[in-house]
Amino acid sequence: MLSFPVAIKVYLCTVPCDMRRSFDGLSMMAEHVIRCNPFSGHLLVFCNRRTDRLKILYWDCDGWAIWYKRLEAGTFQFPFSDVGTNSFRWDQLGTKNPCFMGLFSGVSGVRTIESS
């Protein structure tokens, strides 16, 4: 189970991301697309165009951490837009998008949309 302080912010990159990107590529996207400091300690969430893969980048004062989720069936309900970012506090996560709350709280059954 993942746990974070209540004061932590979650930044969603609302532009589809190439999931081949790793620490450096995602931190560059955080700076230029999301327009936030990737070393801030906040959660930076990236999703691919097909919305079946999700990466969360996090700076933990001594190095990077990436959490990666690939759905075998269905897709995430990800809010893509041209703006580039959507942010909120950690304690608002469940009310903003319950499907991400399931991922962050360690619940194995993330709410998804079944593909046909």
PDB file of N, CA and C in Angstrom:
ATOM      1  N   MET A   1       0.841  -1.177   0.000  1.00  0.00           N
ATOM      2  CA  MET A   1       0.000   0.000   0.000  1.00  0.00           C
ATOM      3  C   MET A   1       0.887   1.242   0.000  1.00  0.00           C
ATOM      4  N   LEU A   2       0.557   2.176  -0.858  1.00  0.00           N
ATOM      5  CA  LEU A   2       1.282   3.430  -0.929  1.00  0.00           C
ATOM      6  C   LEU A   2       0.638   4.431   0.011  1.00  0.00           C
ATOM      7  N   SER A   3       1.468   5.221   0.689  1.00  0.00           N
ATOM      8  CA  SER A   3       0.898   6.285   1.520  1.00  0.00           C
ATOM      9  C   SER A   3       1.733   7.540   1.335  1.00  0.00           C
ATOM     10  N   PHE A   4       1.054   8.667   1.293  1.00  0.00           N
ATOM     11  CA  PHE A   4       1.693   9.956   1.082  1.00  0.00           C
ATOM     12  C   PHE A   4       1.109  10.957   2.055  1.00  0.00           C
ATOM     13  N   PRO A   5       1.863  12.031   2.358  1.00  0.00           N
ATOM     14  CA  PRO A   5       1.315  13.078   3.214  1.00  0.00           C
ATOM     15  C   PRO A   5       0.116  13.757   2.555  1.00  0.00           C
ATOM     16  N   VAL A   6      -0.786  14.264   3.349  1.00  0.00           N
ATOM     17  CA  VAL A   6      -1.984  14.915   2.831  1.00  0.00           C
ATOM     18  C   VAL A   6      -1.622  16.147   2.000  1.00  0.00           C
ATOM     19  N   ALA A   7      -0.541  16.833   2.346  1.00  0.00           N
ATOM     20  CA  ALA A   7      -0.156  18.073   1.662  1.00  0.00           C
ATOM     21  C   ALA A   7       0.421  17.844   0.260  1.00  0.00           C
ATOM     22  N   ILE A   8       0.683  16.610  -0.105  1.00  0.00           N
ATOM     23  CA  ILE A   8       1.274  16.332  -1.419  1.00  0.00           C
ATOM     24  C   ILE A   8       0.256  16.636  -2.522  1.00  0.00           C
ATOM     25  N   LYS A   9       0.744  17.178  -3.627  1.00  0.00           N
ATOM     26  CA  LYS A   9      -0.122  17.469  -4.771  1.00  0.00           C
ATOM     27  C   LYS A   9       0.051  16.383  -5.826  1.00  0.00           C
ATOM     28  N   VAL A  10      -0.977  16.205  -6.617  1.00  0.00           N
ATOM     29  CA  VAL A  10      -0.957  15.262  -7.726  1.00  0.00           C
ATOM     30  C   VAL A  10      -1.107  16.080  -9.004  1.00  0.00           C
ATOM     31  N   TYR A  11      -0.150  15.961  -9.915  1.00  0.00           N
ATOM     32  CA  TYR A  11      -0.199  16.661 -11.200  1.00  0.00           C
ATOM     33  C   TYR A  11      -0.434  15.633 -12.296  1.00  0.00           C
ATOM     34  N   LEU A  12      -1.533  15.788 -13.022  1.00  0.00           N
ATOM     35  CA  LEU A  12      -1.826  14.916 -14.152  1.00  0.00           C
ATOM     36  C   LEU A  12      -1.339  15.593 -15.422  1.00  0.00           C
ATOM     37  N   CYS A  13      -0.514  14.907 -16.190  1.00  0.00           N
ATOM     38  CA  CYS A  13      -0.120  15.405 -17.501  1.00  0.00           C
ATOM     39  C   CYS A  13      -1.257  15.045 -18.445  1.00  0.00           C
ATOM     40  N   THR A  14      -1.975  16.049 -18.934  1.00  0.00           N
ATOM     41  CA  THR A  14      -3.161  15.783 -19.748  1.00  0.00           C
ATOM     42  C   THR A  14      -2.839  15.637 -21.228  1.00  0.00           C
ATOM     43  N   VAL A  15      -1.560  15.551 -21.551  1.00  0.00           N
ATOM     44  CA  VAL A  15      -1.098  15.283 -22.913  1.00  0.00           C
ATOM     45  C   VAL A  15      -0.620  13.837 -22.932  1.00  0.00           C
ATOM     46  N   PRO A  16      -1.032  13.008 -23.895  1.00  0.00           N
ATOM     47  CA  PRO A  16      -0.580  11.612 -23.926  1.00  0.00           C
ATOM     48  C   PRO A  16       0.949  11.514 -23.937  1.00  0.00           C
ATOM     49  N   CYS A  17       1.463  10.517 -23.236  1.00  0.00           N
ATOM     50  CA  CYS A  17       2.902  10.364 -23.045  1.00  0.00           C
ATOM     51  C   CYS A  17       3.388   9.048 -23.666  1.00  0.00           C
ATOM     52  N   ASP A  18       4.577   9.083 -24.222  1.00  0.00           N
ATOM     53  CA  ASP A  18       5.240   7.882 -24.724  1.00  0.00           C
ATOM     54  C   ASP A  18       5.743   7.102 -23.513  1.00  0.00           C
ATOM     55  N   MET A  19       5.236   5.913 -23.293  1.00  0.00           N
ATOM     56  CA  MET A  19       5.590   5.133 -22.107  1.00  0.00           C
ATOM     57  C   MET A  19       7.013   4.570 -22.148  1.00  0.00           C
ATOM     58  N   ARG A  20       7.739   4.790 -23.248  1.00  0.00           N
ATOM     59  CA  ARG A  20       9.160   4.408 -23.268  1.00  0.00           C
ATOM     60  C   ARG A  20       9.999   5.405 -22.480  1.00  0.00           C
ATOM     61  N   ARG A  21       9.423   6.562 -22.166  1.00  0.00           N
ATOM     62  CA  ARG A  21      10.154   7.556 -21.368  1.00  0.00           C
ATOM     63  C   ARG A  21      10.383   7.011 -19.957  1.00  0.00           C
ATOM     64  N   SER A  22      11.534   7.372 -19.412  1.00  0.00           N
ATOM     65  CA  SER A  22      11.856   6.957 -18.051  1.00  0.00           C
ATOM     66  C   SER A  22      12.087   8.196 -17.200  1.00  0.00           C
ATOM     67  N   PHE A  23      12.963   8.121 -16.222  1.00  0.00           N
ATOM     68  CA  PHE A  23      13.159   9.193 -15.252  1.00  0.00           C
ATOM     69  C   PHE A  23      13.431  10.551 -15.907  1.00  0.00           C
ATOM     70  N   ASP A  24      14.429  10.615 -16.768  1.00  0.00           N
ATOM     71  CA  ASP A  24      14.824  11.894 -17.363  1.00  0.00           C
ATOM     72  C   ASP A  24      13.768  12.438 -18.320  1.00  0.00           C
ATOM     73  N   GLY A  25      13.211  11.574 -19.158  1.00  0.00           N
ATOM     74  CA  GLY A  25      12.189  12.020 -20.106  1.00  0.00           C
ATOM     75  C   GLY A  25      10.921  12.499 -19.425  1.00  0.00           C
ATOM     76  N   LEU A  26      10.501  11.788 -18.382  1.00  0.00           N
ATOM     77  CA  LEU A  26       9.294  12.196 -17.659  1.00  0.00           C
ATOM     78  C   LEU A  26       9.532  13.464 -16.847  1.00  0.00           C
ATOM     79  N   SER A  27      10.728  13.606 -16.270  1.00  0.00           N
ATOM     80  CA  SER A  27      11.001  14.842 -15.518  1.00  0.00           C
ATOM     81  C   SER A  27      11.071  16.040 -16.461  1.00  0.00           C
ATOM     82  N   MET A  28      11.564  15.820 -17.696  1.00  0.00           N
ATOM     83  CA  MET A  28      11.570  16.889 -18.691  1.00  0.00           C
ATOM     84  C   MET A  28      10.134  17.280 -19.062  1.00  0.00           C
ATOM     85  N   MET A  29       9.249  16.297 -19.202  1.00  0.00           N
ATOM     86  CA  MET A  29       7.842  16.592 -19.479  1.00  0.00           C
ATOM     87  C   MET A  29       7.199  17.346 -18.311  1.00  0.00           C
ATOM     88  N   ALA A  30       7.601  17.000 -17.092  1.00  0.00           N
ATOM     89  CA  ALA A  30       7.068  17.710 -15.926  1.00  0.00           C
ATOM     90  C   ALA A  30       7.435  19.188 -15.986  1.00  0.00           C
ATOM     91  N   GLU A  31       8.657  19.486 -16.366  1.00  0.00           N
ATOM     92  CA  GLU A  31       9.096  20.876 -16.461  1.00  0.00           C
ATOM     93  C   GLU A  31       8.421  21.630 -17.595  1.00  0.00           C
ATOM     94  N   HIS A  32       8.381  21.026 -18.791  1.00  0.00           N
ATOM     95  CA  HIS A  32       7.955  21.747 -19.987  1.00  0.00           C
ATOM     96  C   HIS A  32       6.475  21.611 -20.334  1.00  0.00           C
ATOM     97  N   VAL A  33       5.839  20.510 -19.967  1.00  0.00           N
ATOM     98  CA  VAL A  33       4.420  20.316 -20.296  1.00  0.00           C
ATOM     99  C   VAL A  33       3.543  20.649 -19.087  1.00  0.00           C
ATOM    100  N   ILE A  34       3.853  20.036 -17.954  1.00  0.00           N
ATOM    101  CA  ILE A  34       3.073  20.295 -16.743  1.00  0.00           C
ATOM    102  C   ILE A  34       3.456  21.647 -16.134  1.00  0.00           C
ATOM    103  N   ARG A  35       4.667  22.076 -16.383  1.00  0.00           N
ATOM    104  CA  ARG A  35       5.211  23.345 -15.858  1.00  0.00           C
ATOM    105  C   ARG A  35       5.275  23.362 -14.340  1.00  0.00           C
ATOM    106  N   CYS A  36       5.886  22.298 -13.793  1.00  0.00           N
ATOM    107  CA  CYS A  36       6.120  22.259 -12.357  1.00  0.00           C
ATOM    108  C   CYS A  36       7.528  21.741 -12.114  1.00  0.00           C
ATOM    109  N   ASN A  37       8.018  21.955 -10.921  1.00  0.00           N
ATOM    110  CA  ASN A  37       9.348  21.499 -10.547  1.00  0.00           C
ATOM    111  C   ASN A  37       9.295  20.001 -10.267  1.00  0.00           C
ATOM    112  N   PRO A  38       9.990  19.177 -11.064  1.00  0.00           N
ATOM    113  CA  PRO A  38       9.911  17.732 -10.841  1.00  0.00           C
ATOM    114  C   PRO A  38      10.561  17.289  -9.533  1.00  0.00           C
ATOM    115  N   PHE A  39      11.384  18.145  -8.917  1.00  0.00           N
ATOM    116  CA  PHE A  39      12.035  17.813  -7.656  1.00  0.00           C
ATOM    117  C   PHE A  39      11.213  18.265  -6.446  1.00  0.00           C
ATOM    118  N   SER A  40       9.967  18.664  -6.660  1.00  0.00           N
ATOM    119  CA  SER A  40       9.126  19.196  -5.591  1.00  0.00           C
ATOM    120  C   SER A  40       8.642  18.120  -4.615  1.00  0.00           C
ATOM    121  N   GLY A  41       8.703  16.852  -5.017  1.00  0.00           N
ATOM    122  CA  GLY A  41       8.199  15.779  -4.168  1.00  0.00           C
ATOM    123  C   GLY A  41       6.739  15.448  -4.410  1.00  0.00           C
ATOM    124  N   HIS A  42       6.104  16.161  -5.335  1.00  0.00           N
ATOM    125  CA  HIS A  42       4.712  15.883  -5.663  1.00  0.00           C
ATOM    126  C   HIS A  42       4.630  14.717  -6.653  1.00  0.00           C
ATOM    127  N   LEU A  43       3.451  14.139  -6.798  1.00  0.00           N
ATOM    128  CA  LEU A  43       3.244  13.019  -7.717  1.00  0.00           C
ATOM    129  C   LEU A  43       2.947  13.560  -9.109  1.00  0.00           C
ATOM    130  N   LEU A  44       3.650  13.040 -10.099  1.00  0.00           N
ATOM    131  CA  LEU A  44       3.483  13.438 -11.495  1.00  0.00           C
ATOM    132  C   LEU A  44       2.950  12.229 -12.244  1.00  0.00           C
ATOM    133  N   VAL A  45       1.743  12.331 -12.767  1.00  0.00           N
ATOM    134  CA  VAL A  45       1.050  11.187 -13.370  1.00  0.00           C
ATOM    135  C   VAL A  45       0.996  11.363 -14.884  1.00  0.00           C
ATOM    136  N   PHE A  46       1.423  10.312 -15.604  1.00  0.00           N
ATOM    137  CA  PHE A  46       1.464  10.313 -17.066  1.00  0.00           C
ATOM    138  C   PHE A  46       0.707   9.090 -17.577  1.00  0.00           C
ATOM    139  N   CYS A  47       0.026   9.257 -18.712  1.00  0.00           N
ATOM    140  CA  CYS A  47      -0.742   8.161 -19.306  1.00  0.00           C
ATOM    141  C   CYS A  47      -0.467   8.117 -20.806  1.00  0.00           C
ATOM    142  N   ASN A  48      -0.543   6.927 -21.396  1.00  0.00           N
ATOM    143  CA  ASN A  48      -0.336   6.814 -22.839  1.00  0.00           C
ATOM    144  C   ASN A  48      -1.630   7.110 -23.595  1.00  0.00           C
ATOM    145  N   ARG A  49      -1.526   7.237 -24.920  1.00  0.00           N
ATOM    146  CA  ARG A  49      -2.671   7.601 -25.757  1.00  0.00           C
ATOM    147  C   ARG A  49      -3.802   6.562 -25.677  1.00  0.00           C
ATOM    148  N   ARG A  50      -3.460   5.281 -25.583  1.00  0.00           N
ATOM    149  CA  ARG A  50      -4.488   4.231 -25.512  1.00  0.00           C
ATOM    150  C   ARG A  50      -5.110   4.125 -24.117  1.00  0.00           C
ATOM    151  N   THR A  51      -4.575   4.838 -23.153  1.00  0.00           N
ATOM    152  CA  THR A  51      -5.021   4.887 -21.749  1.00  0.00           C
ATOM    153  C   THR A  51      -5.049   3.520 -21.061  1.00  0.00           C
ATOM    154  N   ASP A  52      -4.135   2.645 -21.460  1.00  0.00           N
ATOM    155  CA  ASP A  52      -4.029   1.368 -20.766  1.00  0.00           C
ATOM    156  C   ASP A  52      -2.749   1.275 -19.936  1.00  0.00           C
ATOM    157  N   ARG A  53      -1.928   2.335 -19.951  1.00  0.00           N
ATOM    158  CA  ARG A  53      -0.691   2.355 -19.182  1.00  0.00           C
ATOM    159  C   ARG A  53      -0.569   3.694 -18.465  1.00  0.00           C
ATOM    160  N   LEU A  54      -0.056   3.626 -17.246  1.00  0.00           N
ATOM    161  CA  LEU A  54       0.042   4.809 -16.407  1.00  0.00           C
ATOM    162  C   LEU A  54       1.377   4.771 -15.671  1.00  0.00           C
ATOM    163  N   LYS A  55       2.080   5.915 -15.645  1.00  0.00           N
ATOM    164  CA  LYS A  55       3.314   6.031 -14.869  1.00  0.00           C
ATOM    165  C   LYS A  55       3.175   7.182 -13.893  1.00  0.00           C
ATOM    166  N   ILE A  56       3.694   6.970 -12.697  1.00  0.00           N
ATOM    167  CA  ILE A  56       3.711   8.003 -11.672  1.00  0.00           C
ATOM    168  C   ILE A  56       5.165   8.237 -11.291  1.00  0.00           C
ATOM    169  N   LEU A  57       5.629   9.462 -11.486  1.00  0.00           N
ATOM    170  CA  LEU A  57       6.999   9.839 -11.163  1.00  0.00           C
ATOM    171  C   LEU A  57       6.992  10.602  -9.846  1.00  0.00           C
ATOM    172  N   TYR A  58       7.968  10.316  -8.986  1.00  0.00           N
ATOM    173  CA  TYR A  58       8.020  10.909  -7.663  1.00  0.00           C
ATOM    174  C   TYR A  58       9.473  11.106  -7.256  1.00  0.00           C
ATOM    175  N   TRP A  59       9.825  12.303  -6.779  1.00  0.00           N
ATOM    176  CA  TRP A  59      11.171  12.572  -6.251  1.00  0.00           C
ATOM    177  C   TRP A  59      11.121  12.394  -4.739  1.00  0.00           C
ATOM    178  N   ASP A  60      11.962  11.506  -4.215  1.00  0.00           N
ATOM    179  CA  ASP A  60      11.940  11.178  -2.795  1.00  0.00           C
ATOM    180  C   ASP A  60      13.221  11.639  -2.098  1.00  0.00           C
ATOM    181  N   CYS A  61      13.583  12.882  -2.235  1.00  0.00           N
ATOM    182  CA  CYS A  61      14.727  13.575  -1.624  1.00  0.00           C
ATOM    183  C   CYS A  61      16.091  12.899  -1.833  1.00  0.00           C
ATOM    184  N   ASP A  62      16.149  11.647  -2.224  1.00  0.00           N
ATOM    185  CA  ASP A  62      17.445  11.044  -2.536  1.00  0.00           C
ATOM    186  C   ASP A  62      17.446  10.332  -3.883  1.00  0.00           C
ATOM    187  N   GLY A  63      16.342  10.399  -4.616  1.00  0.00           N
ATOM    188  CA  GLY A  63      16.294   9.781  -5.937  1.00  0.00           C
ATOM    189  C   GLY A  63      14.882   9.674  -6.468  1.00  0.00           C
ATOM    190  N   TRP A  64      14.789   9.272  -7.731  1.00  0.00           N
ATOM    191  CA  TRP A  64      13.512   9.136  -8.416  1.00  0.00           C
ATOM    192  C   TRP A  64      12.878   7.792  -8.112  1.00  0.00           C
ATOM    193  N   ALA A  65      11.563   7.772  -8.147  1.00  0.00           N
ATOM    194  CA  ALA A  65      10.800   6.524  -8.094  1.00  0.00           C
ATOM    195  C   ALA A  65       9.736   6.597  -9.188  1.00  0.00           C
ATOM    196  N   ILE A  66       9.514   5.474  -9.850  1.00  0.00           N
ATOM    197  CA  ILE A  66       8.454   5.383 -10.855  1.00  0.00           C
ATOM    198  C   ILE A  66       7.572   4.193 -10.505  1.00  0.00           C
ATOM    199  N   TRP A  67       6.265   4.444 -10.504  1.00  0.00           N
ATOM    200  CA  TRP A  67       5.296   3.358 -10.410  1.00  0.00           C
ATOM    201  C   TRP A  67       4.654   3.237 -11.778  1.00  0.00           C
ATOM    202  N   TYR A  68       4.535   1.999 -12.245  1.00  0.00           N
ATOM    203  CA  TYR A  68       4.036   1.748 -13.600  1.00  0.00           C
ATOM    204  C   TYR A  68       2.895   0.751 -13.528  1.00  0.00           C
ATOM    205  N   LYS A  69       1.789   1.079 -14.154  1.00  0.00           N
ATOM    206  CA  LYS A  69       0.631   0.187 -14.173  1.00  0.00           C
ATOM    207  C   LYS A  69       0.210  -0.047 -15.616  1.00  0.00           C
ATOM    208  N   ARG A  70       0.104  -1.320 -16.015  1.00  0.00           N
ATOM    209  CA  ARG A  70      -0.380  -1.687 -17.345  1.00  0.00           C
ATOM    210  C   ARG A  70      -1.625  -2.546 -17.168  1.00  0.00           C
ATOM    211  N   LEU A  71      -2.728  -2.083 -17.741  1.00  0.00           N
ATOM    212  CA  LEU A  71      -3.967  -2.839 -17.650  1.00  0.00           C
ATOM    213  C   LEU A  71      -3.993  -3.923 -18.719  1.00  0.00           C
ATOM    214  N   GLU A  72      -4.379  -5.107 -18.336  1.00  0.00           N
ATOM    215  CA  GLU A  72      -4.502  -6.202 -19.301  1.00  0.00           C
ATOM    216  C   GLU A  72      -5.801  -6.100 -20.076  1.00  0.00           C
ATOM    217  N   ALA A  73      -6.818  -5.506 -19.474  1.00  0.00           N
ATOM    218  CA  ALA A  73      -8.112  -5.296 -20.142  1.00  0.00           C
ATOM    219  C   ALA A  73      -8.680  -3.974 -19.667  1.00  0.00           C
ATOM    220  N   GLY A  74      -9.341  -3.263 -20.553  1.00  0.00           N
ATOM    221  CA  GLY A  74      -9.954  -2.000 -20.194  1.00  0.00           C
ATOM    222  C   GLY A  74      -8.990  -0.826 -20.288  1.00  0.00           C
ATOM    223  N   THR A  75      -9.455   0.338 -19.883  1.00  0.00           N
ATOM    224  CA  THR A  75      -8.655   1.549 -19.952  1.00  0.00           C
ATOM    225  C   THR A  75      -8.899   2.410 -18.716  1.00  0.00           C
ATOM    226  N   PHE A  76      -7.950   3.312 -18.428  1.00  0.00           N
ATOM    227  CA  PHE A  76      -8.140   4.306 -17.379  1.00  0.00           C
ATOM    228  C   PHE A  76      -9.062   5.399 -17.904  1.00  0.00           C
ATOM    229  N   GLN A  77      -9.783   6.036 -17.025  1.00  0.00           N
ATOM    230  CA  GLN A  77     -10.600   7.188 -17.392  1.00  0.00           C
ATOM    231  C   GLN A  77      -9.719   8.418 -17.196  1.00  0.00           C
ATOM    232  N   PHE A  78      -8.887   8.711 -18.170  1.00  0.00           N
ATOM    233  CA  PHE A  78      -7.884   9.760 -18.031  1.00  0.00           C
ATOM    234  C   PHE A  78      -8.353  11.044 -18.702  1.00  0.00           C
ATOM    235  N   PRO A  79      -8.234  12.192 -18.026  1.00  0.00           N
ATOM    236  CA  PRO A  79      -8.749  13.463 -18.553  1.00  0.00           C
ATOM    237  C   PRO A  79      -7.781  14.165 -19.505  1.00  0.00           C
ATOM    238  N   PHE A  80      -7.648  13.690 -20.741  1.00  0.00           N
ATOM    239  CA  PHE A  80      -6.773  14.349 -21.711  1.00  0.00           C
ATOM    240  C   PHE A  80      -7.360  15.695 -22.130  1.00  0.00           C
ATOM    241  N   SER A  81      -6.485  16.677 -22.364  1.00  0.00           N
ATOM    242  CA  SER A  81      -6.890  17.981 -22.875  1.00  0.00           C
ATOM    243  C   SER A  81      -5.662  18.667 -23.456  1.00  0.00           C
ATOM    244  N   ASP A  82      -5.857  19.829 -24.072  1.00  0.00           N
ATOM    245  CA  ASP A  82      -4.743  20.578 -24.643  1.00  0.00           C
ATOM    246  C   ASP A  82      -4.029  21.443 -23.615  1.00  0.00           C
ATOM    247  N   VAL A  83      -4.583  21.549 -22.419  1.00  0.00           N
ATOM    248  CA  VAL A  83      -4.020  22.436 -21.398  1.00  0.00           C
ATOM    249  C   VAL A  83      -2.649  21.961 -20.935  1.00  0.00           C
ATOM    250  N   GLY A  84      -2.433  20.664 -20.800  1.00  0.00           N
ATOM    251  CA  GLY A  84      -1.148  20.121 -20.394  1.00  0.00           C
ATOM    252  C   GLY A  84      -1.099  19.651 -18.957  1.00  0.00           C
ATOM    253  N   THR A  85      -1.933  20.220 -18.087  1.00  0.00           N
ATOM    254  CA  THR A  85      -1.876  19.799 -16.692  1.00  0.00           C
ATOM    255  C   THR A  85      -3.224  19.949 -15.992  1.00  0.00           C
ATOM    256  N   ASN A  86      -3.384  19.151 -14.981  1.00  0.00           N
ATOM    257  CA  ASN A  86      -4.516  19.224 -14.081  1.00  0.00           C
ATOM    258  C   ASN A  86      -3.950  18.860 -12.723  1.00  0.00           C
ATOM    259  N   SER A  87      -4.150  19.667 -11.712  1.00  0.00           N
ATOM    260  CA  SER A  87      -3.551  19.369 -10.412  1.00  0.00           C
ATOM    261  C   SER A  87      -4.571  19.487  -9.296  1.00  0.00           C
ATOM    262  N   PHE A  88      -4.306  18.756  -8.202  1.00  0.00           N
ATOM    263  CA  PHE A  88      -5.133  18.809  -7.018  1.00  0.00           C
ATOM    264  C   PHE A  88      -4.357  18.227  -5.864  1.00  0.00           C
ATOM    265  N   ARG A  89      -4.862  18.440  -4.651  1.00  0.00           N
ATOM    266  CA  ARG A  89      -4.195  17.909  -3.468  1.00  0.00           C
ATOM    267  C   ARG A  89      -4.502  16.423  -3.330  1.00  0.00           C
ATOM    268  N   TRP A  90      -3.622  15.716  -2.630  1.00  0.00           N
ATOM    269  CA  TRP A  90      -3.759  14.283  -2.410  1.00  0.00           C
ATOM    270  C   TRP A  90      -5.097  13.938  -1.763  1.00  0.00           C
ATOM    271  N   ASP A  91      -5.539  14.733  -0.784  1.00  0.00           N
ATOM    272  CA  ASP A  91      -6.786  14.413  -0.087  1.00  0.00           C
ATOM    273  C   ASP A  91      -8.027  14.641  -0.945  1.00  0.00           C
ATOM    274  N   GLN A  92      -7.885  15.320  -2.100  1.00  0.00           N
ATOM    275  CA  GLN A  92      -9.002  15.515  -3.029  1.00  0.00           C
ATOM    276  C   GLN A  92      -9.032  14.442  -4.112  1.00  0.00           C
ATOM    277  N   LEU A  93      -8.047  13.559  -4.111  1.00  0.00           N
ATOM    278  CA  LEU A  93      -7.888  12.602  -5.203  1.00  0.00           C
ATOM    279  C   LEU A  93      -9.124  11.744  -5.422  1.00  0.00           C
ATOM    280  N   GLY A  94      -9.680  11.177  -4.365  1.00  0.00           N
ATOM    281  CA  GLY A  94     -10.844  10.308  -4.519  1.00  0.00           C
ATOM    282  C   GLY A  94     -12.064  11.018  -5.062  1.00  0.00           C
ATOM    283  N   THR A  95     -12.224  12.306  -4.714  1.00  0.00           N
ATOM    284  CA  THR A  95     -13.382  13.039  -5.198  1.00  0.00           C
ATOM    285  C   THR A  95     -13.186  13.518  -6.624  1.00  0.00           C
ATOM    286  N   LYS A  96     -11.934  13.747  -7.040  1.00  0.00           N
ATOM    287  CA  LYS A  96     -11.656  14.211  -8.404  1.00  0.00           C
ATOM    288  C   LYS A  96     -11.723  13.056  -9.406  1.00  0.00           C
ATOM    289  N   ASN A  97     -11.129  11.917  -9.071  1.00  0.00           N
ATOM    290  CA  ASN A  97     -11.113  10.791  -9.984  1.00  0.00           C
ATOM    291  C   ASN A  97     -10.963   9.491  -9.194  1.00  0.00           C
ATOM    292  N   PRO A  98     -12.059   8.828  -8.848  1.00  0.00           N
ATOM    293  CA  PRO A  98     -12.002   7.632  -8.018  1.00  0.00           C
ATOM    294  C   PRO A  98     -11.163   6.497  -8.603  1.00  0.00           C
ATOM    295  N   CYS A  99     -10.998   6.429  -9.927  1.00  0.00           N
ATOM    296  CA  CYS A  99     -10.224   5.319 -10.489  1.00  0.00           C
ATOM    297  C   CYS A  99      -8.760   5.434 -10.098  1.00  0.00           C
ATOM    298  N   PHE A 100      -8.233   6.657  -9.909  1.00  0.00           N
ATOM    299  CA  PHE A 100      -6.846   6.811  -9.476  1.00  0.00           C
ATOM    300  C   PHE A 100      -6.703   6.542  -7.985  1.00  0.00           C
ATOM    301  N   MET A 101      -7.741   6.830  -7.203  1.00  0.00           N
ATOM    302  CA  MET A 101      -7.683   6.560  -5.775  1.00  0.00           C
ATOM    303  C   MET A 101      -7.478   5.071  -5.537  1.00  0.00           C
ATOM    304  N   GLY A 102      -8.136   4.229  -6.335  1.00  0.00           N
ATOM    305  CA  GLY A 102      -7.944   2.793  -6.208  1.00  0.00           C
ATOM    306  C   GLY A 102      -6.512   2.382  -6.487  1.00  0.00           C
ATOM    307  N   LEU A 103      -5.885   2.996  -7.454  1.00  0.00           N
ATOM    308  CA  LEU A 103      -4.493   2.682  -7.779  1.00  0.00           C
ATOM    309  C   LEU A 103      -3.571   3.099  -6.651  1.00  0.00           C
ATOM    310  N   PHE A 104      -3.740   4.321  -6.147  1.00  0.00           N
ATOM    311  CA  PHE A 104      -2.850   4.835  -5.119  1.00  0.00           C
ATOM    312  C   PHE A 104      -3.041   4.161  -3.780  1.00  0.00           C
ATOM    313  N   SER A 105      -4.231   3.711  -3.471  1.00  0.00           N
ATOM    314  CA  SER A 105      -4.476   3.115  -2.163  1.00  0.00           C
ATOM    315  C   SER A 105      -4.136   1.633  -2.124  1.00  0.00           C
ATOM    316  N   GLY A 106      -3.643   1.083  -3.225  1.00  0.00           N
ATOM    317  CA  GLY A 106      -3.230  -0.306  -3.238  1.00  0.00           C
ATOM    318  C   GLY A 106      -4.357  -1.270  -3.532  1.00  0.00           C
ATOM    319  N   VAL A 107      -5.530  -0.772  -3.867  1.00  0.00           N
ATOM    320  CA  VAL A 107      -6.659  -1.643  -4.208  1.00  0.00           C
ATOM    321  C   VAL A 107      -6.380  -2.259  -5.568  1.00  0.00           C
ATOM    322  N   SER A 108      -6.480  -3.569  -5.669  1.00  0.00           N
ATOM    323  CA  SER A 108      -6.146  -4.231  -6.924  1.00  0.00           C
ATOM    324  C   SER A 108      -7.190  -3.991  -8.011  1.00  0.00           C
ATOM    325  N   GLY A 109      -8.433  -3.749  -7.654  1.00  0.00           N
ATOM    326  CA  GLY A 109      -9.492  -3.580  -8.649  1.00  0.00           C
ATOM    327  C   GLY A 109      -9.684  -2.140  -9.047  1.00  0.00           C
ATOM    328  N   VAL A 110      -8.833  -1.607  -9.870  1.00  0.00           N
ATOM    329  CA  VAL A 110      -8.972  -0.238 -10.338  1.00  0.00           C
ATOM    330  C   VAL A 110     -10.176  -0.173 -11.282  1.00  0.00           C
ATOM    331  N   ARG A 111     -11.044   0.812 -11.086  1.00  0.00           N
ATOM    332  CA  ARG A 111     -12.223   0.938 -11.931  1.00  0.00           C
ATOM    333  C   ARG A 111     -11.784   1.321 -13.338  1.00  0.00           C
ATOM    334  N   THR A 112     -12.142   0.531 -14.308  1.00  0.00           N
ATOM    335  CA  THR A 112     -11.732   0.746 -15.686  1.00  0.00           C
ATOM    336  C   THR A 112     -12.937   0.639 -16.592  1.00  0.00           C
ATOM    337  N   ILE A 113     -12.740   0.998 -17.834  1.00  0.00           N
ATOM    338  CA  ILE A 113     -13.763   0.814 -18.848  1.00  0.00           C
ATOM    339  C   ILE A 113     -13.359  -0.422 -19.644  1.00  0.00           C
ATOM    340  N   GLU A 114     -14.228  -1.395 -19.720  1.00  0.00           N
ATOM    341  CA  GLU A 114     -13.926  -2.618 -20.447  1.00  0.00           C
ATOM    342  C   GLU A 114     -13.905  -2.346 -21.953  1.00  0.00           C
ATOM    343  N   SER A 115     -12.875  -2.846 -22.625  1.00  0.00           N
ATOM    344  CA  SER A 115     -12.805  -2.686 -24.073  1.00  0.00           C
ATOM    345  C   SER A 115     -13.554  -3.827 -24.737  1.00  0.00           C
ATOM    346  N   SER A 116     -14.124  -3.545 -25.896  1.00  0.00           N
ATOM    347  CA  SER A 116     -14.920  -4.587 -26.569  1.00  0.00           C
ATOM    348  C   SER A 116     -14.127  -5.298 -27.630  1.00  0.00           C
TER     349      SER A 116
END
